[in-house]
Amino acid sequence: VMAKLANGIADDLLTSTALAMIAPILIAPAANEYMYSNPASMRNMATL
């Protein structure tokens, strides 16, 4: 979901709502350590 948000993908209710948000967005991630530290994930977090 974080990757979708970083790339503007809105293919369900949650991501579509996020794309339409004017108010602040706060994200609490959770993942396997390798998925979390993957360069793609780090880049997506930096983008957001």
All heavy atoms as atom14 arrays in JSON, in Angstrom:
{
  "sequence": "VMAKLANGIADDLLTSTALAMIAPILIAPAANEYMYSNPASMRNMATL",
  "atom14_mask": [
    [1, 1, 1, 1, 1, 1, 1, 0, 0, 0, 0, 0, 0, 0],
    [1, 1, 1, 1, 1, 1, 1, 1, 0, 0, 0, 0, 0, 0],
    [1, 1, 1, 1, 1, 0, 0, 0, 0, 0, 0, 0, 0, 0],
    [1, 1, 1, 1, 1, 1, 1, 1, 1, 0, 0, 0, 0, 0],
    [1, 1, 1, 1, 1, 1, 1, 1, 0, 0, 0, 0, 0, 0],
    [1, 1, 1, 1, 1, 0, 0, 0, 0, 0, 0, 0, 0, 0],
    [1, 1, 1, 1, 1, 1, 1, 1, 0, 0, 0, 0, 0, 0],
    [1, 1, 1, 1, 0, 0, 0, 0, 0, 0, 0, 0, 0, 0],
    [1, 1, 1, 1, 1, 1, 1, 1, 0, 0, 0, 0, 0, 0],
    [1, 1, 1, 1, 1, 0, 0, 0, 0, 0, 0, 0, 0, 0],
    [1, 1, 1, 1, 1, 1, 1, 1, 0, 0, 0, 0, 0, 0],
    [1, 1, 1, 1, 1, 1, 1, 1, 0, 0, 0, 0, 0, 0],
    [1, 1, 1, 1, 1, 1, 1, 1, 0, 0, 0, 0, 0, 0],
    [1, 1, 1, 1, 1, 1, 1, 1, 0, 0, 0, 0, 0, 0],
    [1, 1, 1, 1, 1, 1, 1, 0, 0, 0, 0, 0, 0, 0],
    [1, 1, 1, 1, 1, 1, 0, 0, 0, 0, 0, 0, 0, 0],
    [1, 1, 1, 1, 1, 1, 1, 0, 0, 0, 0, 0, 0, 0],
    [1, 1, 1, 1, 1, 0, 0, 0, 0, 0, 0, 0, 0, 0],
    [1, 1, 1, 1, 1, 1, 1, 1, 0, 0, 0, 0, 0, 0],
    [1, 1, 1, 1, 1, 0, 0, 0, 0, 0, 0, 0, 0, 0],
    [1, 1, 1, 1, 1, 1, 1, 1, 0, 0, 0, 0, 0, 0],
    [1, 1, 1, 1, 1, 1, 1, 1, 0, 0, 0, 0, 0, 0],
    [1, 1, 1, 1, 1, 0, 0, 0, 0, 0, 0, 0, 0, 0],
    [1, 1, 1, 1, 1, 1, 1, 0, 0, 0, 0, 0, 0, 0],
    [1, 1, 1, 1, 1, 1, 1, 1, 0, 0, 0, 0, 0, 0],
    [1, 1, 1, 1, 1, 1, 1, 1, 0, 0, 0, 0, 0, 0],
    [1, 1, 1, 1, 1, 1, 1, 1, 0, 0, 0, 0, 0, 0],
    [1, 1, 1, 1, 1, 0, 0, 0, 0, 0, 0, 0, 0, 0],
    [1, 1, 1, 1, 1, 1, 1, 0, 0, 0, 0, 0, 0, 0],
    [1, 1, 1, 1, 1, 0, 0, 0, 0, 0, 0, 0, 0, 0],
    [1, 1, 1, 1, 1, 0, 0, 0, 0, 0, 0, 0, 0, 0],
    [1, 1, 1, 1, 1, 1, 1, 1, 0, 0, 0, 0, 0, 0],
    [1, 1, 1, 1, 1, 1, 1, 1, 1, 0, 0, 0, 0, 0],
    [1, 1, 1, 1, 1, 1, 1, 1, 1, 1, 1, 1, 0, 0],
    [1, 1, 1, 1, 1, 1, 1, 1, 0, 0, 0, 0, 0, 0],
    [1, 1, 1, 1, 1, 1, 1, 1, 1, 1, 1, 1, 0, 0],
    [1, 1, 1, 1, 1, 1, 0, 0, 0, 0, 0, 0, 0, 0],
    [1, 1, 1, 1, 1, 1, 1, 1, 0, 0, 0, 0, 0, 0],
    [1, 1, 1, 1, 1, 1, 1, 0, 0, 0, 0, 0, 0, 0],
    [1, 1, 1, 1, 1, 0, 0, 0, 0, 0, 0, 0, 0, 0],
    [1, 1, 1, 1, 1, 1, 0, 0, 0, 0, 0, 0, 0, 0],
    [1, 1, 1, 1, 1, 1, 1, 1, 0, 0, 0, 0, 0, 0],
    [1, 1, 1, 1, 1, 1, 1, 1, 1, 1, 1, 0, 0, 0],
    [1, 1, 1, 1, 1, 1, 1, 1, 0, 0, 0, 0, 0, 0],
    [1, 1, 1, 1, 1, 1, 1, 1, 0, 0, 0, 0, 0, 0],
    [1, 1, 1, 1, 1, 0, 0, 0, 0, 0, 0, 0, 0, 0],
    [1, 1, 1, 1, 1, 1, 1, 0, 0, 0, 0, 0, 0, 0],
    [1, 1, 1, 1, 1, 1, 1, 1, 0, 0, 0, 0, 0, 0]
  ],
  "atom14_positions": [
    [[0.84, -1.2, 0.0], [0.0, 0.0, 0.0], [0.87, 1.25, 0.0], [0.56, 2.24, -0.67], [-0.96, -0.02, 1.21], [-1.64, 1.33, 1.39], [-2.0, -1.12, 1.03], [0.0, 0.0, 0.0], [0.0, 0.0, 0.0], [0.0, 0.0, 0.0], [0.0, 0.0, 0.0], [0.0, 0.0, 0.0], [0.0, 0.0, 0.0], [0.0, 0.0, 0.0]],
    [[1.99, 1.21, 0.72], [2.88, 2.37, 0.72], [3.43, 2.64, -0.67], [3.55, 3.79, -1.1], [4.04, 2.14, 1.71], [4.86, 3.39, 1.96], [5.97, 3.21, 3.38], [7.14, 2.03, 2.72], [0.0, 0.0, 0.0], [0.0, 0.0, 0.0], [0.0, 0.0, 0.0], [0.0, 0.0, 0.0], [0.0, 0.0, 0.0], [0.0, 0.0, 0.0]],
    [[3.74, 1.56, -1.41], [4.24, 1.72, -2.78], [3.16, 2.33, -3.68], [3.45, 3.2, -4.52], [4.68, 0.37, -3.33], [0.0, 0.0, 0.0], [0.0, 0.0, 0.0], [0.0, 0.0, 0.0], [0.0, 0.0, 0.0], [0.0, 0.0, 0.0], [0.0, 0.0, 0.0], [0.0, 0.0, 0.0], [0.0, 0.0, 0.0], [0.0, 0.0, 0.0]],
    [[1.92, 1.91, -3.49], [0.83, 2.49, -4.28], [0.69, 3.98, -3.99], [0.54, 4.8, -4.91], [-0.48, 1.78, -3.95], [-0.58, 0.35, -4.47], [-1.93, -0.25, -4.1], [-2.07, -1.68, -4.58], [-3.4, -2.25, -4.24], [0.0, 0.0, 0.0], [0.0, 0.0, 0.0], [0.0, 0.0, 0.0], [0.0, 0.0, 0.0], [0.0, 0.0, 0.0]],
    [[0.73, 4.34, -2.72], [0.6, 5.75, -2.36], [1.72, 6.59, -2.94], [1.51, 7.71, -3.42], [0.57, 5.89, -0.83], [-0.59, 5.22, -0.09], [-0.42, 5.39, 1.42], [-1.93, 5.77, -0.55], [0.0, 0.0, 0.0], [0.0, 0.0, 0.0], [0.0, 0.0, 0.0], [0.0, 0.0, 0.0], [0.0, 0.0, 0.0], [0.0, 0.0, 0.0]],
    [[2.93, 6.05, -2.9], [4.09, 6.79, -3.42], [3.99, 7.02, -4.92], [4.51, 8.02, -5.44], [5.38, 6.05, -3.08], [0.0, 0.0, 0.0], [0.0, 0.0, 0.0], [0.0, 0.0, 0.0], [0.0, 0.0, 0.0], [0.0, 0.0, 0.0], [0.0, 0.0, 0.0], [0.0, 0.0, 0.0], [0.0, 0.0, 0.0], [0.0, 0.0, 0.0]],
    [[3.31, 6.12, -5.58], [3.23, 6.21, -7.05], [1.86, 6.65, -7.55], [1.58, 6.55, -8.75], [3.61, 4.85, -7.66], [5.08, 4.54, -7.5], [5.92, 5.04, -8.25], [5.41, 3.72, -6.5], [0.0, 0.0, 0.0], [0.0, 0.0, 0.0], [0.0, 0.0, 0.0], [0.0, 0.0, 0.0], [0.0, 0.0, 0.0], [0.0, 0.0, 0.0]],
    [[1.03, 7.11, -6.64], [-0.26, 7.67, -7.05], [-1.26, 6.67, -7.56], [-2.2, 7.03, -8.28], [0.0, 0.0, 0.0], [0.0, 0.0, 0.0], [0.0, 0.0, 0.0], [0.0, 0.0, 0.0], [0.0, 0.0, 0.0], [0.0, 0.0, 0.0], [0.0, 0.0, 0.0], [0.0, 0.0, 0.0], [0.0, 0.0, 0.0], [0.0, 0.0, 0.0]],
    [[-1.09, 5.41, -7.21], [-2.03, 4.37, -7.63], [-3.22, 4.38, -6.69], [-3.07, 4.34, -5.47], [-1.35, 2.99, -7.65], [-0.22, 2.98, -8.7], [-2.36, 1.88, -7.94], [0.62, 1.73, -8.68], [0.0, 0.0, 0.0], [0.0, 0.0, 0.0], [0.0, 0.0, 0.0], [0.0, 0.0, 0.0], [0.0, 0.0, 0.0], [0.0, 0.0, 0.0]],
    [[-4.41, 4.4, -7.28], [-5.65, 4.45, -6.49], [-6.59, 3.37, -7.02], [-7.51, 3.66, -7.79], [-6.29, 5.82, -6.57], [0.0, 0.0, 0.0], [0.0, 0.0, 0.0], [0.0, 0.0, 0.0], [0.0, 0.0, 0.0], [0.0, 0.0, 0.0], [0.0, 0.0, 0.0], [0.0, 0.0, 0.0], [0.0, 0.0, 0.0], [0.0, 0.0, 0.0]],
    [[-6.36, 2.13, -6.62], [-7.13, 1.02, -7.19], [-8.08, 0.37, -6.18], [-8.6, -0.72, -6.44], [-6.19, -0.03, -7.78], [-5.25, -0.64, -6.75], [-5.25, -0.17, -5.59], [-4.51, -1.58, -7.11], [0.0, 0.0, 0.0], [0.0, 0.0, 0.0], [0.0, 0.0, 0.0], [0.0, 0.0, 0.0], [0.0, 0.0, 0.0], [0.0, 0.0, 0.0]],
    [[-8.27, 1.0, -5.02], [-9.27, 0.53, -4.06], [-9.74, 1.72, -3.23], [-9.31, 2.86, -3.46], [-8.72, -0.6, -3.18], [-7.52, -0.18, -2.32], [-7.22, 1.04, -2.27], [-6.89, -1.05, -1.7], [0.0, 0.0, 0.0], [0.0, 0.0, 0.0], [0.0, 0.0, 0.0], [0.0, 0.0, 0.0], [0.0, 0.0, 0.0], [0.0, 0.0, 0.0]],
    [[-10.63, 1.47, -2.28], [-11.22, 2.57, -1.53], [-10.18, 3.31, -0.69], [-10.16, 4.54, -0.63], [-12.35, 2.05, -0.64], [-13.1, 3.11, 0.19], [-13.7, 4.18, -0.7], [-14.19, 2.45, 1.03], [0.0, 0.0, 0.0], [0.0, 0.0, 0.0], [0.0, 0.0, 0.0], [0.0, 0.0, 0.0], [0.0, 0.0, 0.0], [0.0, 0.0, 0.0]],
    [[-9.27, 2.57, -0.04], [-8.29, 3.21, 0.83], [-7.32, 4.09, 0.04], [-7.1, 5.25, 0.39], [-7.51, 2.16, 1.63], [-6.38, 2.7, 2.52], [-6.89, 3.76, 3.49], [-5.71, 1.56, 3.29], [0.0, 0.0, 0.0], [0.0, 0.0, 0.0], [0.0, 0.0, 0.0], [0.0, 0.0, 0.0], [0.0, 0.0, 0.0], [0.0, 0.0, 0.0]],
    [[-6.74, 3.55, -1.01], [-5.76, 4.33, -1.78], [-6.43, 5.49, -2.53], [-5.84, 6.55, -2.68], [-4.99, 3.44, -2.75], [-5.9, 2.7, -3.57], [-4.09, 2.46, -2.0], [0.0, 0.0, 0.0], [0.0, 0.0, 0.0], [0.0, 0.0, 0.0], [0.0, 0.0, 0.0], [0.0, 0.0, 0.0], [0.0, 0.0, 0.0], [0.0, 0.0, 0.0]],
    [[-7.68, 5.29, -2.97], [-8.41, 6.38, -3.63], [-8.69, 7.51, -2.65], [-8.57, 8.69, -2.98], [-9.72, 5.85, -4.22], [-9.47, 4.91, -5.25], [0.0, 0.0, 0.0], [0.0, 0.0, 0.0], [0.0, 0.0, 0.0], [0.0, 0.0, 0.0], [0.0, 0.0, 0.0], [0.0, 0.0, 0.0], [0.0, 0.0, 0.0], [0.0, 0.0, 0.0]],
    [[-9.07, 7.13, -1.42], [-9.32, 8.13, -0.39], [-8.04, 8.89, -0.06], [-8.05, 10.12, 0.09], [-9.88, 7.47, 0.88], [-11.08, 6.76, 0.55], [-10.18, 8.5, 1.95], [0.0, 0.0, 0.0], [0.0, 0.0, 0.0], [0.0, 0.0, 0.0], [0.0, 0.0, 0.0], [0.0, 0.0, 0.0], [0.0, 0.0, 0.0], [0.0, 0.0, 0.0]],
    [[-6.93, 8.15, 0.05], [-5.65, 8.79, 0.36], [-5.27, 9.8, -0.72], [-4.76, 10.89, -0.41], [-4.56, 7.73, 0.5], [0.0, 0.0, 0.0], [0.0, 0.0, 0.0], [0.0, 0.0, 0.0], [0.0, 0.0, 0.0], [0.0, 0.0, 0.0], [0.0, 0.0, 0.0], [0.0, 0.0, 0.0], [0.0, 0.0, 0.0], [0.0, 0.0, 0.0]],
    [[-5.53, 9.47, -1.96], [-5.18, 10.38, -3.06], [-6.05, 11.63, -3.04], [-5.63, 12.69, -3.52], [-5.34, 9.64, -4.4], [-4.56, 10.21, -5.59], [-3.06, 10.19, -5.32], [-4.88, 9.43, -6.86], [0.0, 0.0, 0.0], [0.0, 0.0, 0.0], [0.0, 0.0, 0.0], [0.0, 0.0, 0.0], [0.0, 0.0, 0.0], [0.0, 0.0, 0.0]],
    [[-7.23, 11.52, -2.46], [-8.15, 12.65, -2.4], [-8.01, 13.47, -1.12], [-8.69, 14.48, -0.95], [-9.59, 12.16, -2.54], [0.0, 0.0, 0.0], [0.0, 0.0, 0.0], [0.0, 0.0, 0.0], [0.0, 0.0, 0.0], [0.0, 0.0, 0.0], [0.0, 0.0, 0.0], [0.0, 0.0, 0.0], [0.0, 0.0, 0.0], [0.0, 0.0, 0.0]],
    [[-7.12, 13.04, -0.21], [-7.0, 13.7, 1.09], [-6.4, 15.11, 0.97], [-5.42, 15.31, 0.27], [-6.11, 12.88, 2.04], [-6.78, 11.64, 2.61], [-8.17, 11.98, 3.71], [-7.36, 12.89, 5.03], [0.0, 0.0, 0.0], [0.0, 0.0, 0.0], [0.0, 0.0, 0.0], [0.0, 0.0, 0.0], [0.0, 0.0, 0.0], [0.0, 0.0, 0.0]],
    [[-7.03, 16.03, 1.68], [-6.48, 17.37, 1.85], [-5.84, 17.48, 3.23], [-4.82, 18.12, 3.42], [-7.57, 18.44, 1.68], [-8.18, 18.36, 0.28], [-7.01, 19.84, 1.94], [-9.38, 19.25, 0.08], [0.0, 0.0, 0.0], [0.0, 0.0, 0.0], [0.0, 0.0, 0.0], [0.0, 0.0, 0.0], [0.0, 0.0, 0.0], [0.0, 0.0, 0.0]],
    [[-6.46, 16.8, 4.2], [-5.95, 16.77, 5.58], [-4.67, 15.95, 5.65], [-4.33, 15.21, 4.72], [-7.02, 16.19, 6.51], [0.0, 0.0, 0.0], [0.0, 0.0, 0.0], [0.0, 0.0, 0.0], [0.0, 0.0, 0.0], [0.0, 0.0, 0.0], [0.0, 0.0, 0.0], [0.0, 0.0, 0.0], [0.0, 0.0, 0.0], [0.0, 0.0, 0.0]],
    [[-3.92, 16.06, 6.75], [-2.65, 15.32, 6.87], [-2.82, 13.8, 6.82], [-3.88, 13.26, 7.14], [-2.14, 15.76, 8.26], [-2.84, 17.03, 8.56], [-4.18, 16.92, 7.91], [0.0, 0.0, 0.0], [0.0, 0.0, 0.0], [0.0, 0.0, 0.0], [0.0, 0.0, 0.0], [0.0, 0.0, 0.0], [0.0, 0.0, 0.0], [0.0, 0.0, 0.0]],
    [[-1.74, 13.15, 6.43], [-1.69, 11.69, 6.39], [-0.54, 11.23, 7.28], [0.58, 11.74, 7.18], [-1.47, 11.15, 4.96], [-2.64, 11.56, 4.05], [-1.31, 9.63, 4.97], [-2.45, 11.15, 2.59], [0.0, 0.0, 0.0], [0.0, 0.0, 0.0], [0.0, 0.0, 0.0], [0.0, 0.0, 0.0], [0.0, 0.0, 0.0], [0.0, 0.0, 0.0]],
    [[-0.84, 10.29, 8.16], [0.14, 9.71, 9.07], [0.15, 8.21, 8.84], [-0.9, 7.56, 8.84], [-0.24, 10.02, 10.53], [0.68, 9.5, 11.64], [2.06, 10.13, 11.56], [0.04, 9.79, 13.01], [0.0, 0.0, 0.0], [0.0, 0.0, 0.0], [0.0, 0.0, 0.0], [0.0, 0.0, 0.0], [0.0, 0.0, 0.0], [0.0, 0.0, 0.0]],
    [[1.35, 7.65, 8.64], [1.47, 6.23, 8.3], [2.31, 5.51, 9.35], [3.39, 5.97, 9.73], [2.11, 6.04, 6.9], [1.17, 6.55, 5.8], [2.49, 4.59, 6.65], [1.76, 6.48, 4.41], [0.0, 0.0, 0.0], [0.0, 0.0, 0.0], [0.0, 0.0, 0.0], [0.0, 0.0, 0.0], [0.0, 0.0, 0.0], [0.0, 0.0, 0.0]],
    [[1.79, 4.38, 9.82], [2.53, 3.51, 10.74], [2.78, 2.19, 10.01], [1.89, 1.33, 9.95], [1.73, 3.27, 12.02], [0.0, 0.0, 0.0], [0.0, 0.0, 0.0], [0.0, 0.0, 0.0], [0.0, 0.0, 0.0], [0.0, 0.0, 0.0], [0.0, 0.0, 0.0], [0.0, 0.0, 0.0], [0.0, 0.0, 0.0], [0.0, 0.0, 0.0]],
    [[3.95, 2.02, 9.42], [4.23, 0.82, 8.63], [4.42, -0.42, 9.52], [4.69, -0.32, 10.72], [5.54, 1.15, 7.91], [5.83, 2.59, 8.2], [5.09, 2.93, 9.45], [0.0, 0.0, 0.0], [0.0, 0.0, 0.0], [0.0, 0.0, 0.0], [0.0, 0.0, 0.0], [0.0, 0.0, 0.0], [0.0, 0.0, 0.0], [0.0, 0.0, 0.0]],
    [[4.31, -1.58, 8.89], [4.62, -2.84, 9.56], [4.97, -3.85, 8.47], [4.24, -3.99, 7.49], [3.45, -3.34, 10.39], [0.0, 0.0, 0.0], [0.0, 0.0, 0.0], [0.0, 0.0, 0.0], [0.0, 0.0, 0.0], [0.0, 0.0, 0.0], [0.0, 0.0, 0.0], [0.0, 0.0, 0.0], [0.0, 0.0, 0.0], [0.0, 0.0, 0.0]],
    [[6.1, -4.53, 8.63], [6.55, -5.46, 7.59], [7.67, -6.34, 8.12], [8.25, -6.07, 9.18], [7.05, -4.68, 6.37], [0.0, 0.0, 0.0], [0.0, 0.0, 0.0], [0.0, 0.0, 0.0], [0.0, 0.0, 0.0], [0.0, 0.0, 0.0], [0.0, 0.0, 0.0], [0.0, 0.0, 0.0], [0.0, 0.0, 0.0], [0.0, 0.0, 0.0]],
    [[7.98, -7.37, 7.38], [9.2, -8.13, 7.61], [10.4, -7.2, 7.47], [10.37, -6.25, 6.68], [9.28, -9.27, 6.59], [10.65, -9.91, 6.52], [11.5, -9.46, 5.76], [10.86, -10.93, 7.33], [0.0, 0.0, 0.0], [0.0, 0.0, 0.0], [0.0, 0.0, 0.0], [0.0, 0.0, 0.0], [0.0, 0.0, 0.0], [0.0, 0.0, 0.0]],
    [[11.46, -7.46, 8.23], [12.6, -6.53, 8.25], [13.22, -6.34, 6.87], [13.66, -5.24, 6.53], [13.67, -7.01, 9.24], [14.26, -8.35, 8.93], [15.45, -8.67, 9.83], [16.2, -7.75, 10.17], [15.62, -9.86, 10.17], [0.0, 0.0, 0.0], [0.0, 0.0, 0.0], [0.0, 0.0, 0.0], [0.0, 0.0, 0.0], [0.0, 0.0, 0.0]],
    [[13.25, -7.4, 6.05], [13.86, -7.27, 4.72], [12.96, -6.51, 3.76], [13.44, -5.74, 2.92], [14.2, -8.65, 4.18], [15.17, -9.4, 5.08], [14.76, -10.52, 5.8], [16.49, -8.97, 5.23], [15.63, -11.19, 6.65], [17.36, -9.63, 6.07], [16.93, -10.73, 6.78], [17.8, -11.39, 7.62], [0.0, 0.0, 0.0], [0.0, 0.0, 0.0]],
    [[11.65, -6.71, 3.89], [10.72, -5.93, 3.08], [10.78, -4.45, 3.47], [10.75, -3.57, 2.6], [9.3, -6.47, 3.24], [9.09, -7.87, 2.74], [7.41, -8.46, 3.08], [6.45, -7.44, 1.97], [0.0, 0.0, 0.0], [0.0, 0.0, 0.0], [0.0, 0.0, 0.0], [0.0, 0.0, 0.0], [0.0, 0.0, 0.0], [0.0, 0.0, 0.0]],
    [[10.88, -4.2, 4.76], [10.9, -2.81, 5.24], [12.17, -2.09, 4.79], [12.13, -0.93, 4.37], [10.79, -2.78, 6.76], [10.83, -1.38, 7.34], [9.72, -0.55, 7.25], [11.98, -0.9, 7.96], [9.75, 0.74, 7.77], [12.02, 0.38, 8.48], [10.9, 1.19, 8.39], [10.95, 2.46, 8.9], [0.0, 0.0, 0.0], [0.0, 0.0, 0.0]],
    [[13.31, -2.78, 4.88], [14.6, -2.14, 4.57], [14.96, -2.23, 3.09], [16.0, -1.7, 2.67], [15.72, -2.78, 5.4], [15.84, -4.16, 5.09], [0.0, 0.0, 0.0], [0.0, 0.0, 0.0], [0.0, 0.0, 0.0], [0.0, 0.0, 0.0], [0.0, 0.0, 0.0], [0.0, 0.0, 0.0], [0.0, 0.0, 0.0], [0.0, 0.0, 0.0]],
    [[14.11, -2.86, 2.3], [14.38, -2.95, 0.85], [14.51, -1.54, 0.26], [13.76, -0.64, 0.63], [13.22, -3.69, 0.18], [13.5, -3.97, -1.3], [13.43, -3.06, -2.12], [13.8, -5.21, -1.6], [0.0, 0.0, 0.0], [0.0, 0.0, 0.0], [0.0, 0.0, 0.0], [0.0, 0.0, 0.0], [0.0, 0.0, 0.0], [0.0, 0.0, 0.0]],
    [[15.48, -1.32, -0.63], [15.67, 0.02, -1.2], [14.4, 0.6, -1.82], [14.19, 1.81, -1.77], [16.75, -0.21, -2.26], [17.53, -1.38, -1.75], [16.53, -2.26, -1.07], [0.0, 0.0, 0.0], [0.0, 0.0, 0.0], [0.0, 0.0, 0.0], [0.0, 0.0, 0.0], [0.0, 0.0, 0.0], [0.0, 0.0, 0.0], [0.0, 0.0, 0.0]],
    [[13.55, -0.25, -2.38], [12.31, 0.24, -2.97], [11.41, 0.83, -1.89], [10.8, 1.9, -2.07], [11.58, -0.88, -3.71], [0.0, 0.0, 0.0], [0.0, 0.0, 0.0], [0.0, 0.0, 0.0], [0.0, 0.0, 0.0], [0.0, 0.0, 0.0], [0.0, 0.0, 0.0], [0.0, 0.0, 0.0], [0.0, 0.0, 0.0], [0.0, 0.0, 0.0]],
    [[11.33, 0.15, -0.75], [10.5, 0.65, 0.35], [11.07, 1.96, 0.9], [10.33, 2.9, 1.21], [10.41, -0.39, 1.47], [9.79, -1.57, 1.02], [0.0, 0.0, 0.0], [0.0, 0.0, 0.0], [0.0, 0.0, 0.0], [0.0, 0.0, 0.0], [0.0, 0.0, 0.0], [0.0, 0.0, 0.0], [0.0, 0.0, 0.0], [0.0, 0.0, 0.0]],
    [[12.39, 2.0, 1.05], [13.03, 3.22, 1.56], [12.78, 4.39, 0.61], [12.52, 5.52, 1.04], [14.53, 2.99, 1.72], [14.91, 1.97, 2.8], [14.54, 2.55, 4.49], [13.03, 1.63, 4.82], [0.0, 0.0, 0.0], [0.0, 0.0, 0.0], [0.0, 0.0, 0.0], [0.0, 0.0, 0.0], [0.0, 0.0, 0.0], [0.0, 0.0, 0.0]],
    [[12.84, 4.13, -0.7], [12.6, 5.18, -1.69], [11.14, 5.65, -1.63], [10.86, 6.86, -1.72], [12.93, 4.66, -3.09], [12.8, 5.72, -4.19], [13.34, 5.24, -5.53], [12.65, 4.03, -5.98], [13.21, 2.82, -6.04], [14.47, 2.66, -5.64], [12.53, 1.78, -6.47], [0.0, 0.0, 0.0], [0.0, 0.0, 0.0], [0.0, 0.0, 0.0]],
    [[10.22, 4.71, -1.46], [8.8, 5.09, -1.37], [8.54, 5.94, -0.14], [7.77, 6.91, -0.18], [7.93, 3.84, -1.33], [7.93, 3.1, -2.66], [8.11, 3.71, -3.72], [7.72, 1.8, -2.62], [0.0, 0.0, 0.0], [0.0, 0.0, 0.0], [0.0, 0.0, 0.0], [0.0, 0.0, 0.0], [0.0, 0.0, 0.0], [0.0, 0.0, 0.0]],
    [[9.16, 5.59, 0.98], [9.0, 6.39, 2.2], [9.56, 7.79, 1.99], [8.95, 8.78, 2.43], [9.69, 5.71, 3.37], [9.0, 4.45, 3.86], [9.87, 3.66, 5.23], [9.66, 4.88, 6.52], [0.0, 0.0, 0.0], [0.0, 0.0, 0.0], [0.0, 0.0, 0.0], [0.0, 0.0, 0.0], [0.0, 0.0, 0.0], [0.0, 0.0, 0.0]],
    [[10.71, 7.87, 1.35], [11.32, 9.17, 1.1], [10.43, 10.03, 0.2], [10.28, 11.24, 0.42], [12.7, 9.0, 0.48], [0.0, 0.0, 0.0], [0.0, 0.0, 0.0], [0.0, 0.0, 0.0], [0.0, 0.0, 0.0], [0.0, 0.0, 0.0], [0.0, 0.0, 0.0], [0.0, 0.0, 0.0], [0.0, 0.0, 0.0], [0.0, 0.0, 0.0]],
    [[9.84, 9.39, -0.79], [8.95, 10.11, -1.71], [7.75, 10.67, -0.97], [7.38, 11.84, -1.12], [8.47, 9.18, -2.83], [9.59, 8.75, -3.61], [7.47, 9.88, -3.75], [0.0, 0.0, 0.0], [0.0, 0.0, 0.0], [0.0, 0.0, 0.0], [0.0, 0.0, 0.0], [0.0, 0.0, 0.0], [0.0, 0.0, 0.0], [0.0, 0.0, 0.0]],
    [[7.12, 9.83, -0.15], [5.96, 10.27, 0.6], [6.31, 11.36, 1.62], [5.57, 12.32, 1.81], [5.31, 9.07, 1.3], [4.6, 8.09, 0.37], [4.25, 6.8, 1.11], [3.35, 8.71, -0.23], [0.0, 0.0, 0.0], [0.0, 0.0, 0.0], [0.0, 0.0, 0.0], [0.0, 0.0, 0.0], [0.0, 0.0, 0.0], [0.0, 0.0, 0.0]]
  ]
}
